[in-house]
Every structure is written in structure tokens, then in C-alpha cells.
ModelCIF file with pLDDT and N, C-alpha, C, O atoms, coordinates in Angstrom:
data_MODEL
#
_entry.id   MODEL 
#
_entity.id                         1 
_entity.type                       polymer 
_entity.pdbx_number_of_molecules   1 
#
_entity_poly.entity_id                      1 
_entity_poly.type                           'polypeptide(L)' 
_entity_poly.nstd_linkage                   no 
_entity_poly.nstd_monomer                   no 
_entity_poly.pdbx_seq_one_letter_code       KEVLRFHVLANSDEDYDQKLKLKVRDEILNKYYNELKKC 
_entity_poly.pdbx_seq_one_letter_code_can   KEVLRFHVLANSDEDYDQKLKLKVRDEILNKYYNELKKC 
_entity_poly.pdbx_strand_id                 A 
#
loop_
_entity_poly_seq.entity_id 
_entity_poly_seq.num 
_entity_poly_seq.mon_id 
_entity_poly_seq.hetero 
1 1  LYS n 
1 2  GLU n 
1 3  VAL n 
1 4  LEU n 
1 5  ARG n 
1 6  PHE n 
1 7  HIS n 
1 8  VAL n 
1 9  LEU n 
1 10 ALA n 
1 11 ASN n 
1 12 SER n 
1 13 ASP n 
1 14 GLU n 
1 15 ASP n 
1 16 TYR n 
1 17 ASP n 
1 18 GLN n 
1 19 LYS n 
1 20 LEU n 
1 21 LYS n 
1 22 LEU n 
1 23 LYS n 
1 24 VAL n 
1 25 ARG n 
1 26 ASP n 
1 27 GLU n 
1 28 ILE n 
1 29 LEU n 
1 30 ASN n 
1 31 LYS n 
1 32 TYR n 
1 33 TYR n 
1 34 ASN n 
1 35 GLU n 
1 36 LEU n 
1 37 LYS n 
1 38 LYS n 
1 39 CYS n 
#
_struct_asym.id          A 
_struct_asym.entity_id   1 
#
loop_
_ma_qa_metric.id 
_ma_qa_metric.mode 
_ma_qa_metric.name 
_ma_qa_metric.software_group_id 
_ma_qa_metric.type 
1 global pLDDT . pLDDT 
2 local  pLDDT . pLDDT 
#
_ma_qa_metric_global.metric_id      1 
_ma_qa_metric_global.metric_value   91.62 
_ma_qa_metric_global.model_id       1 
_ma_qa_metric_global.ordinal_id     1 
#
loop_
_ma_qa_metric_local.label_asym_id 
_ma_qa_metric_local.label_comp_id 
_ma_qa_metric_local.label_seq_id 
_ma_qa_metric_local.metric_id 
_ma_qa_metric_local.metric_value 
_ma_qa_metric_local.model_id 
_ma_qa_metric_local.ordinal_id 
A LYS 1  2 91.00 1 1  
A GLU 2  2 89.00 1 2  
A VAL 3  2 91.00 1 3  
A LEU 4  2 93.00 1 4  
A ARG 5  2 92.00 1 5  
A PHE 6  2 91.00 1 6  
A HIS 7  2 91.00 1 7  
A VAL 8  2 94.00 1 8  
A LEU 9  2 95.00 1 9  
A ALA 10 2 95.00 1 10 
A ASN 11 2 96.00 1 11 
A SER 12 2 95.00 1 12 
A ASP 13 2 95.00 1 13 
A GLU 14 2 95.00 1 14 
A ASP 15 2 95.00 1 15 
A TYR 16 2 95.00 1 16 
A ASP 17 2 95.00 1 17 
A GLN 18 2 94.00 1 18 
A LYS 19 2 95.00 1 19 
A LEU 20 2 96.00 1 20 
A LYS 21 2 94.00 1 21 
A LEU 22 2 93.00 1 22 
A LYS 23 2 94.00 1 23 
A VAL 24 2 95.00 1 24 
A ARG 25 2 92.00 1 25 
A ASP 26 2 91.00 1 26 
A GLU 27 2 93.00 1 27 
A ILE 28 2 93.00 1 28 
A LEU 29 2 90.00 1 29 
A ASN 30 2 89.00 1 30 
A LYS 31 2 91.00 1 31 
A TYR 32 2 90.00 1 32 
A TYR 33 2 84.00 1 33 
A ASN 34 2 85.00 1 34 
A GLU 35 2 86.00 1 35 
A LEU 36 2 84.00 1 36 
A LYS 37 2 82.00 1 37 
A LYS 38 2 86.00 1 38 
A CYS 39 2 88.00 1 39 
#
loop_
_atom_site.group_PDB 
_atom_site.id 
_atom_site.type_symbol 
_atom_site.label_atom_id 
_atom_site.label_alt_id 
_atom_site.label_comp_id 
_atom_site.label_asym_id 
_atom_site.label_entity_id 
_atom_site.label_seq_id 
_atom_site.pdbx_PDB_ins_code 
_atom_site.Cartn_x 
_atom_site.Cartn_y 
_atom_site.Cartn_z 
_atom_site.occupancy 
_atom_site.B_iso_or_equiv 
_atom_site.pdbx_formal_charge 
_atom_site.auth_seq_id 
_atom_site.auth_comp_id 
_atom_site.auth_asym_id 
_atom_site.auth_atom_id 
_atom_site.pdbx_PDB_model_num 
ATOM 1   N N  . LYS A 1 1  ? -26.939 2.848   -46.184 1.00 91.00 ? 1  LYS A N  1 
ATOM 2   C CA . LYS A 1 1  ? -27.117 4.257   -45.824 1.00 91.00 ? 1  LYS A CA 1 
ATOM 3   C C  . LYS A 1 1  ? -27.762 4.429   -44.448 1.00 91.00 ? 1  LYS A C  1 
ATOM 4   O O  . LYS A 1 1  ? -27.631 5.478   -43.818 1.00 91.00 ? 1  LYS A O  1 
ATOM 5   N N  . GLU A 1 2  ? -28.462 3.384   -43.991 1.00 89.00 ? 2  GLU A N  1 
ATOM 6   C CA . GLU A 1 2  ? -29.262 3.514   -42.779 1.00 89.00 ? 2  GLU A CA 1 
ATOM 7   C C  . GLU A 1 2  ? -28.689 2.791   -41.573 1.00 89.00 ? 2  GLU A C  1 
ATOM 8   O O  . GLU A 1 2  ? -29.280 2.835   -40.494 1.00 89.00 ? 2  GLU A O  1 
ATOM 9   N N  . VAL A 1 3  ? -27.542 2.120   -41.733 1.00 91.00 ? 3  VAL A N  1 
ATOM 10  C CA . VAL A 1 3  ? -26.983 1.359   -40.609 1.00 91.00 ? 3  VAL A CA 1 
ATOM 11  C C  . VAL A 1 3  ? -25.510 1.705   -40.397 1.00 91.00 ? 3  VAL A C  1 
ATOM 12  O O  . VAL A 1 3  ? -24.823 2.177   -41.303 1.00 91.00 ? 3  VAL A O  1 
ATOM 13  N N  . LEU A 1 4  ? -25.051 1.455   -39.177 1.00 93.00 ? 4  LEU A N  1 
ATOM 14  C CA . LEU A 1 4  ? -23.629 1.587   -38.846 1.00 93.00 ? 4  LEU A CA 1 
ATOM 15  C C  . LEU A 1 4  ? -23.167 0.258   -38.289 1.00 93.00 ? 4  LEU A C  1 
ATOM 16  O O  . LEU A 1 4  ? -23.742 -0.249  -37.326 1.00 93.00 ? 4  LEU A O  1 
ATOM 17  N N  . ARG A 1 5  ? -22.139 -0.308  -38.883 1.00 92.00 ? 5  ARG A N  1 
ATOM 18  C CA . ARG A 1 5  ? -21.614 -1.593  -38.429 1.00 92.00 ? 5  ARG A CA 1 
ATOM 19  C C  . ARG A 1 5  ? -20.503 -1.370  -37.403 1.00 92.00 ? 5  ARG A C  1 
ATOM 20  O O  . ARG A 1 5  ? -20.027 -0.249  -37.225 1.00 92.00 ? 5  ARG A O  1 
ATOM 21  N N  . PHE A 1 6  ? -20.101 -2.435  -36.738 1.00 91.00 ? 6  PHE A N  1 
ATOM 22  C CA . PHE A 1 6  ? -19.018 -2.413  -35.754 1.00 91.00 ? 6  PHE A CA 1 
ATOM 23  C C  . PHE A 1 6  ? -17.999 -3.449  -36.194 1.00 91.00 ? 6  PHE A C  1 
ATOM 24  O O  . PHE A 1 6  ? -18.345 -4.612  -36.404 1.00 91.00 ? 6  PHE A O  1 
ATOM 25  N N  . HIS A 1 7  ? -16.753 -3.040  -36.335 1.00 91.00 ? 7  HIS A N  1 
ATOM 26  C CA . HIS A 1 7  ? -15.716 -3.885  -36.937 1.00 91.00 ? 7  HIS A CA 1 
ATOM 27  C C  . HIS A 1 7  ? -14.482 -3.868  -36.028 1.00 91.00 ? 7  HIS A C  1 
ATOM 28  O O  . HIS A 1 7  ? -13.870 -2.818  -35.835 1.00 91.00 ? 7  HIS A O  1 
ATOM 29  N N  . VAL A 1 8  ? -14.120 -5.021  -35.474 1.00 94.00 ? 8  VAL A N  1 
ATOM 30  C CA . VAL A 1 8  ? -12.957 -5.128  -34.590 1.00 94.00 ? 8  VAL A CA 1 
ATOM 31  C C  . VAL A 1 8  ? -11.960 -6.105  -35.203 1.00 94.00 ? 8  VAL A C  1 
ATOM 32  O O  . VAL A 1 8  ? -12.297 -7.256  -35.478 1.00 94.00 ? 8  VAL A O  1 
ATOM 33  N N  . LEU A 1 9  ? -10.738 -5.640  -35.416 1.00 95.00 ? 9  LEU A N  1 
ATOM 34  C CA . LEU A 1 9  ? -9.689  -6.480  -36.003 1.00 95.00 ? 9  LEU A CA 1 
ATOM 35  C C  . LEU A 1 9  ? -8.654  -6.827  -34.944 1.00 95.00 ? 9  LEU A C  1 
ATOM 36  O O  . LEU A 1 9  ? -8.100  -5.940  -34.295 1.00 95.00 ? 9  LEU A O  1 
ATOM 37  N N  . ALA A 1 10 ? -8.394  -8.118  -34.771 1.00 95.00 ? 10 ALA A N  1 
ATOM 38  C CA . ALA A 1 10 ? -7.418  -8.595  -33.791 1.00 95.00 ? 10 ALA A CA 1 
ATOM 39  C C  . ALA A 1 10 ? -5.994  -8.376  -34.293 1.00 95.00 ? 10 ALA A C  1 
ATOM 40  O O  . ALA A 1 10 ? -5.766  -8.210  -35.491 1.00 95.00 ? 10 ALA A O  1 
ATOM 41  N N  . ASN A 1 11 ? -5.046  -8.378  -33.369 1.00 96.00 ? 11 ASN A N  1 
ATOM 42  C CA . ASN A 1 11 ? -3.639  -8.225  -33.733 1.00 96.00 ? 11 ASN A CA 1 
ATOM 43  C C  . ASN A 1 11 ? -3.172  -9.371  -34.623 1.00 96.00 ? 11 ASN A C  1 
ATOM 44  O O  . ASN A 1 11 ? -2.436  -9.157  -35.586 1.00 96.00 ? 11 ASN A O  1 
ATOM 45  N N  . SER A 1 12 ? -3.603  -10.588 -34.296 1.00 95.00 ? 12 SER A N  1 
ATOM 46  C CA . SER A 1 12 ? -3.205  -11.767 -35.073 1.00 95.00 ? 12 SER A CA 1 
ATOM 47  C C  . SER A 1 12 ? -4.257  -12.852 -34.896 1.00 95.00 ? 12 SER A C  1 
ATOM 48  O O  . SER A 1 12 ? -5.273  -12.643 -34.232 1.00 95.00 ? 12 SER A O  1 
ATOM 49  N N  . ASP A 1 13 ? -4.007  -14.007 -35.495 1.00 95.00 ? 13 ASP A N  1 
ATOM 50  C CA . ASP A 1 13 ? -4.925  -15.137 -35.344 1.00 95.00 ? 13 ASP A CA 1 
ATOM 51  C C  . ASP A 1 13 ? -4.559  -16.036 -34.172 1.00 95.00 ? 13 ASP A C  1 
ATOM 52  O O  . ASP A 1 13 ? -5.203  -17.060 -33.946 1.00 95.00 ? 13 ASP A O  1 
ATOM 53  N N  . GLU A 1 14 ? -3.533  -15.658 -33.432 1.00 95.00 ? 14 GLU A N  1 
ATOM 54  C CA . GLU A 1 14 ? -3.187  -16.426 -32.234 1.00 95.00 ? 14 GLU A CA 1 
ATOM 55  C C  . GLU A 1 14 ? -4.374  -16.427 -31.276 1.00 95.00 ? 14 GLU A C  1 
ATOM 56  O O  . GLU A 1 14 ? -5.124  -15.454 -31.199 1.00 95.00 ? 14 GLU A O  1 
ATOM 57  N N  . ASP A 1 15 ? -4.537  -17.535 -30.544 1.00 95.00 ? 15 ASP A N  1 
ATOM 58  C CA . ASP A 1 15 ? -5.694  -17.687 -29.672 1.00 95.00 ? 15 ASP A CA 1 
ATOM 59  C C  . ASP A 1 15 ? -5.801  -16.548 -28.665 1.00 95.00 ? 15 ASP A C  1 
ATOM 60  O O  . ASP A 1 15 ? -6.896  -16.044 -28.414 1.00 95.00 ? 15 ASP A O  1 
ATOM 61  N N  . TYR A 1 16 ? -4.664  -16.133 -28.081 1.00 95.00 ? 16 TYR A N  1 
ATOM 62  C CA . TYR A 1 16 ? -4.708  -15.064 -27.079 1.00 95.00 ? 16 TYR A CA 1 
ATOM 63  C C  . TYR A 1 16 ? -5.116  -13.728 -27.693 1.00 95.00 ? 16 TYR A C  1 
ATOM 64  O O  . TYR A 1 16 ? -5.780  -12.928 -27.034 1.00 95.00 ? 16 TYR A O  1 
ATOM 65  N N  . ASP A 1 17 ? -4.733  -13.477 -28.934 1.00 95.00 ? 17 ASP A N  1 
ATOM 66  C CA . ASP A 1 17 ? -5.131  -12.234 -29.597 1.00 95.00 ? 17 ASP A CA 1 
ATOM 67  C C  . ASP A 1 17 ? -6.614  -12.244 -29.957 1.00 95.00 ? 17 ASP A C  1 
ATOM 68  O O  . ASP A 1 17 ? -7.290  -11.217 -29.883 1.00 95.00 ? 17 ASP A O  1 
ATOM 69  N N  . GLN A 1 18 ? -7.107  -13.414 -30.348 1.00 94.00 ? 18 GLN A N  1 
ATOM 70  C CA . GLN A 1 18 ? -8.527  -13.524 -30.661 1.00 94.00 ? 18 GLN A CA 1 
ATOM 71  C C  . GLN A 1 18 ? -9.398  -13.343 -29.409 1.00 94.00 ? 18 GLN A C  1 
ATOM 72  O O  . GLN A 1 18 ? -10.448 -12.704 -29.460 1.00 94.00 ? 18 GLN A O  1 
ATOM 73  N N  . LYS A 1 19 ? -8.952  -13.907 -28.307 1.00 95.00 ? 19 LYS A N  1 
ATOM 74  C CA . LYS A 1 19 ? -9.688  -13.716 -27.047 1.00 95.00 ? 19 LYS A CA 1 
ATOM 75  C C  . LYS A 1 19 ? -9.636  -12.257 -26.603 1.00 95.00 ? 19 LYS A C  1 
ATOM 76  O O  . LYS A 1 19 ? -10.618 -11.723 -26.086 1.00 95.00 ? 19 LYS A O  1 
ATOM 77  N N  . LEU A 1 20 ? -8.500  -11.624 -26.805 1.00 96.00 ? 20 LEU A N  1 
ATOM 78  C CA . LEU A 1 20 ? -8.361  -10.209 -26.445 1.00 96.00 ? 20 LEU A CA 1 
ATOM 79  C C  . LEU A 1 20 ? -9.317  -9.358  -27.285 1.00 96.00 ? 20 LEU A C  1 
ATOM 80  O O  . LEU A 1 20 ? -9.940  -8.430  -26.768 1.00 96.00 ? 20 LEU A O  1 
ATOM 81  N N  . LYS A 1 21 ? -9.429  -9.663  -28.541 1.00 94.00 ? 21 LYS A N  1 
ATOM 82  C CA . LYS A 1 21 ? -10.352 -8.945  -29.432 1.00 94.00 ? 21 LYS A CA 1 
ATOM 83  C C  . LYS A 1 21 ? -11.772 -8.975  -28.875 1.00 94.00 ? 21 LYS A C  1 
ATOM 84  O O  . LYS A 1 21 ? -12.467 -7.960  -28.876 1.00 94.00 ? 21 LYS A O  1 
ATOM 85  N N  . LEU A 1 22 ? -12.197 -10.144 -28.400 1.00 93.00 ? 22 LEU A N  1 
ATOM 86  C CA . LEU A 1 22 ? -13.552 -10.285 -27.885 1.00 93.00 ? 22 LEU A CA 1 
ATOM 87  C C  . LEU A 1 22 ? -13.743 -9.529  -26.568 1.00 93.00 ? 22 LEU A C  1 
ATOM 88  O O  . LEU A 1 22 ? -14.825 -9.012  -26.291 1.00 93.00 ? 22 LEU A O  1 
ATOM 89  N N  . LYS A 1 23 ? -12.693 -9.473  -25.770 1.00 94.00 ? 23 LYS A N  1 
ATOM 90  C CA . LYS A 1 23 ? -12.776 -8.705  -24.521 1.00 94.00 ? 23 LYS A CA 1 
ATOM 91  C C  . LYS A 1 23 ? -12.918 -7.206  -24.816 1.00 94.00 ? 23 LYS A C  1 
ATOM 92  O O  . LYS A 1 23 ? -13.680 -6.503  -24.152 1.00 94.00 ? 23 LYS A O  1 
ATOM 93  N N  . VAL A 1 24 ? -12.181 -6.734  -25.813 1.00 95.00 ? 24 VAL A N  1 
ATOM 94  C CA . VAL A 1 24 ? -12.308 -5.330  -26.226 1.00 95.00 ? 24 VAL A CA 1 
ATOM 95  C C  . VAL A 1 24 ? -13.723 -5.076  -26.752 1.00 95.00 ? 24 VAL A C  1 
ATOM 96  O O  . VAL A 1 24 ? -14.356 -4.081  -26.401 1.00 95.00 ? 24 VAL A O  1 
ATOM 97  N N  . ARG A 1 25 ? -14.200 -5.977  -27.585 1.00 92.00 ? 25 ARG A N  1 
ATOM 98  C CA . ARG A 1 25 ? -15.564 -5.869  -28.102 1.00 92.00 ? 25 ARG A CA 1 
ATOM 99  C C  . ARG A 1 25 ? -16.587 -5.750  -26.981 1.00 92.00 ? 25 ARG A C  1 
ATOM 100 O O  . ARG A 1 25 ? -17.419 -4.843  -26.977 1.00 92.00 ? 25 ARG A O  1 
ATOM 101 N N  . ASP A 1 26 ? -16.514 -6.676  -26.031 1.00 91.00 ? 26 ASP A N  1 
ATOM 102 C CA . ASP A 1 26 ? -17.496 -6.699  -24.945 1.00 91.00 ? 26 ASP A CA 1 
ATOM 103 C C  . ASP A 1 26 ? -17.478 -5.408  -24.141 1.00 91.00 ? 26 ASP A C  1 
ATOM 104 O O  . ASP A 1 26 ? -18.530 -4.878  -23.781 1.00 91.00 ? 26 ASP A O  1 
ATOM 105 N N  . GLU A 1 27 ? -16.282 -4.903  -23.860 1.00 93.00 ? 27 GLU A N  1 
ATOM 106 C CA . GLU A 1 27 ? -16.168 -3.694  -23.039 1.00 93.00 ? 27 GLU A CA 1 
ATOM 107 C C  . GLU A 1 27 ? -16.745 -2.479  -23.768 1.00 93.00 ? 27 GLU A C  1 
ATOM 108 O O  . GLU A 1 27 ? -17.419 -1.648  -23.161 1.00 93.00 ? 27 GLU A O  1 
ATOM 109 N N  . ILE A 1 28 ? -16.481 -2.383  -25.054 1.00 93.00 ? 28 ILE A N  1 
ATOM 110 C CA . ILE A 1 28 ? -17.020 -1.260  -25.838 1.00 93.00 ? 28 ILE A CA 1 
ATOM 111 C C  . ILE A 1 28 ? -18.544 -1.336  -25.870 1.00 93.00 ? 28 ILE A C  1 
ATOM 112 O O  . ILE A 1 28 ? -19.221 -0.326  -25.676 1.00 93.00 ? 28 ILE A O  1 
ATOM 113 N N  . LEU A 1 29 ? -19.079 -2.520  -26.112 1.00 90.00 ? 29 LEU A N  1 
ATOM 114 C CA . LEU A 1 29 ? -20.537 -2.677  -26.169 1.00 90.00 ? 29 LEU A CA 1 
ATOM 115 C C  . LEU A 1 29 ? -21.179 -2.380  -24.824 1.00 90.00 ? 29 LEU A C  1 
ATOM 116 O O  . LEU A 1 29 ? -22.199 -1.693  -24.763 1.00 90.00 ? 29 LEU A O  1 
ATOM 117 N N  . ASN A 1 30 ? -20.597 -2.885  -23.752 1.00 89.00 ? 30 ASN A N  1 
ATOM 118 C CA . ASN A 1 30 ? -21.151 -2.653  -22.426 1.00 89.00 ? 30 ASN A CA 1 
ATOM 119 C C  . ASN A 1 30 ? -21.105 -1.178  -22.032 1.00 89.00 ? 30 ASN A C  1 
ATOM 120 O O  . ASN A 1 30 ? -22.019 -0.667  -21.385 1.00 89.00 ? 30 ASN A O  1 
ATOM 121 N N  . LYS A 1 31 ? -20.036 -0.509  -22.428 1.00 91.00 ? 31 LYS A N  1 
ATOM 122 C CA . LYS A 1 31 ? -19.875 0.901   -22.037 1.00 91.00 ? 31 LYS A CA 1 
ATOM 123 C C  . LYS A 1 31 ? -20.831 1.814   -22.789 1.00 91.00 ? 31 LYS A C  1 
ATOM 124 O O  . LYS A 1 31 ? -21.353 2.771   -22.215 1.00 91.00 ? 31 LYS A O  1 
ATOM 125 N N  . TYR A 1 32 ? -21.067 1.531   -24.066 1.00 90.00 ? 32 TYR A N  1 
ATOM 126 C CA . TYR A 1 32 ? -21.810 2.485   -24.889 1.00 90.00 ? 32 TYR A CA 1 
ATOM 127 C C  . TYR A 1 32 ? -23.228 2.026   -25.272 1.00 90.00 ? 32 TYR A C  1 
ATOM 128 O O  . TYR A 1 32 ? -23.950 2.757   -25.951 1.00 90.00 ? 32 TYR A O  1 
ATOM 129 N N  . TYR A 1 33 ? -23.619 0.849   -24.850 1.00 84.00 ? 33 TYR A N  1 
ATOM 130 C CA . TYR A 1 33 ? -24.904 0.330   -25.305 1.00 84.00 ? 33 TYR A CA 1 
ATOM 131 C C  . TYR A 1 33 ? -26.076 1.229   -24.901 1.00 84.00 ? 33 TYR A C  1 
ATOM 132 O O  . TYR A 1 33 ? -26.946 1.514   -25.723 1.00 84.00 ? 33 TYR A O  1 
ATOM 133 N N  . ASN A 1 34 ? -26.105 1.673   -23.657 1.00 85.00 ? 34 ASN A N  1 
ATOM 134 C CA . ASN A 1 34 ? -27.207 2.521   -23.199 1.00 85.00 ? 34 ASN A CA 1 
ATOM 135 C C  . ASN A 1 34 ? -27.264 3.836   -23.966 1.00 85.00 ? 34 ASN A C  1 
ATOM 136 O O  . ASN A 1 34 ? -28.349 4.344   -24.248 1.00 85.00 ? 34 ASN A O  1 
ATOM 137 N N  . GLU A 1 35 ? -26.096 4.392   -24.305 1.00 86.00 ? 35 GLU A N  1 
ATOM 138 C CA . GLU A 1 35 ? -26.062 5.635   -25.085 1.00 86.00 ? 35 GLU A CA 1 
ATOM 139 C C  . GLU A 1 35 ? -26.561 5.393   -26.507 1.00 86.00 ? 35 GLU A C  1 
ATOM 140 O O  . GLU A 1 35 ? -27.236 6.233   -27.101 1.00 86.00 ? 35 GLU A O  1 
ATOM 141 N N  . LEU A 1 36 ? -26.210 4.226   -27.033 1.00 84.00 ? 36 LEU A N  1 
ATOM 142 C CA . LEU A 1 36 ? -26.626 3.911   -28.409 1.00 84.00 ? 36 LEU A CA 1 
ATOM 143 C C  . LEU A 1 36 ? -28.137 3.822   -28.530 1.00 84.00 ? 36 LEU A C  1 
ATOM 144 O O  . LEU A 1 36 ? -28.704 4.176   -29.564 1.00 84.00 ? 36 LEU A O  1 
ATOM 145 N N  . LYS A 1 37 ? -28.792 3.346   -27.470 1.00 82.00 ? 37 LYS A N  1 
ATOM 146 C CA . LYS A 1 37 ? -30.246 3.213   -27.517 1.00 82.00 ? 37 LYS A CA 1 
ATOM 147 C C  . LYS A 1 37 ? -30.931 4.571   -27.630 1.00 82.00 ? 37 LYS A C  1 
ATOM 148 O O  . LYS A 1 37 ? -32.087 4.655   -28.046 1.00 82.00 ? 37 LYS A O  1 
ATOM 149 N N  . LYS A 1 38 ? -30.216 5.635   -27.257 1.00 86.00 ? 38 LYS A N  1 
ATOM 150 C CA . LYS A 1 38 ? -30.790 6.976   -27.334 1.00 86.00 ? 38 LYS A CA 1 
ATOM 151 C C  . LYS A 1 38 ? -30.676 7.574   -28.742 1.00 86.00 ? 38 LYS A C  1 
ATOM 152 O O  . LYS A 1 38 ? -31.378 8.528   -29.075 1.00 86.00 ? 38 LYS A O  1 
ATOM 153 N N  . CYS A 1 39 ? -29.792 7.010   -29.558 1.00 88.00 ? 39 CYS A N  1 
ATOM 154 C CA . CYS A 1 39 ? -29.602 7.532   -30.924 1.00 88.00 ? 39 CYS A CA 1 
ATOM 155 C C  . CYS A 1 39 ? -30.787 7.125   -31.788 1.00 88.00 ? 39 CYS A C  1 
ATOM 156 O O  . CYS A 1 39 ? -30.831 7.459   -32.972 1.00 88.00 ? 39 CYS A O  1 
#
């Protein structure tokens, strides 16, 4: 009830899709991290 998780699902288990998933993750975290600290 007190937490919000972050869940990213890759297109497939292929190595390039898994790396892409992590790049999307990093960009989302970098873009919104400062805003999240205000919540």
C-alpha cells in the first residue's frame, strides 16, 4: 500500500532486446528521478 514499483518488460529474451530494455530503464530513471524525490 505504501510503495510503487517499476516494471519494464523487454520485447524478447534476445540479447539486443534485453540491452534495449535497460537503456529504456536508464532513460526513464534519469529523466524523472529529480521529480520523484519531490513526491
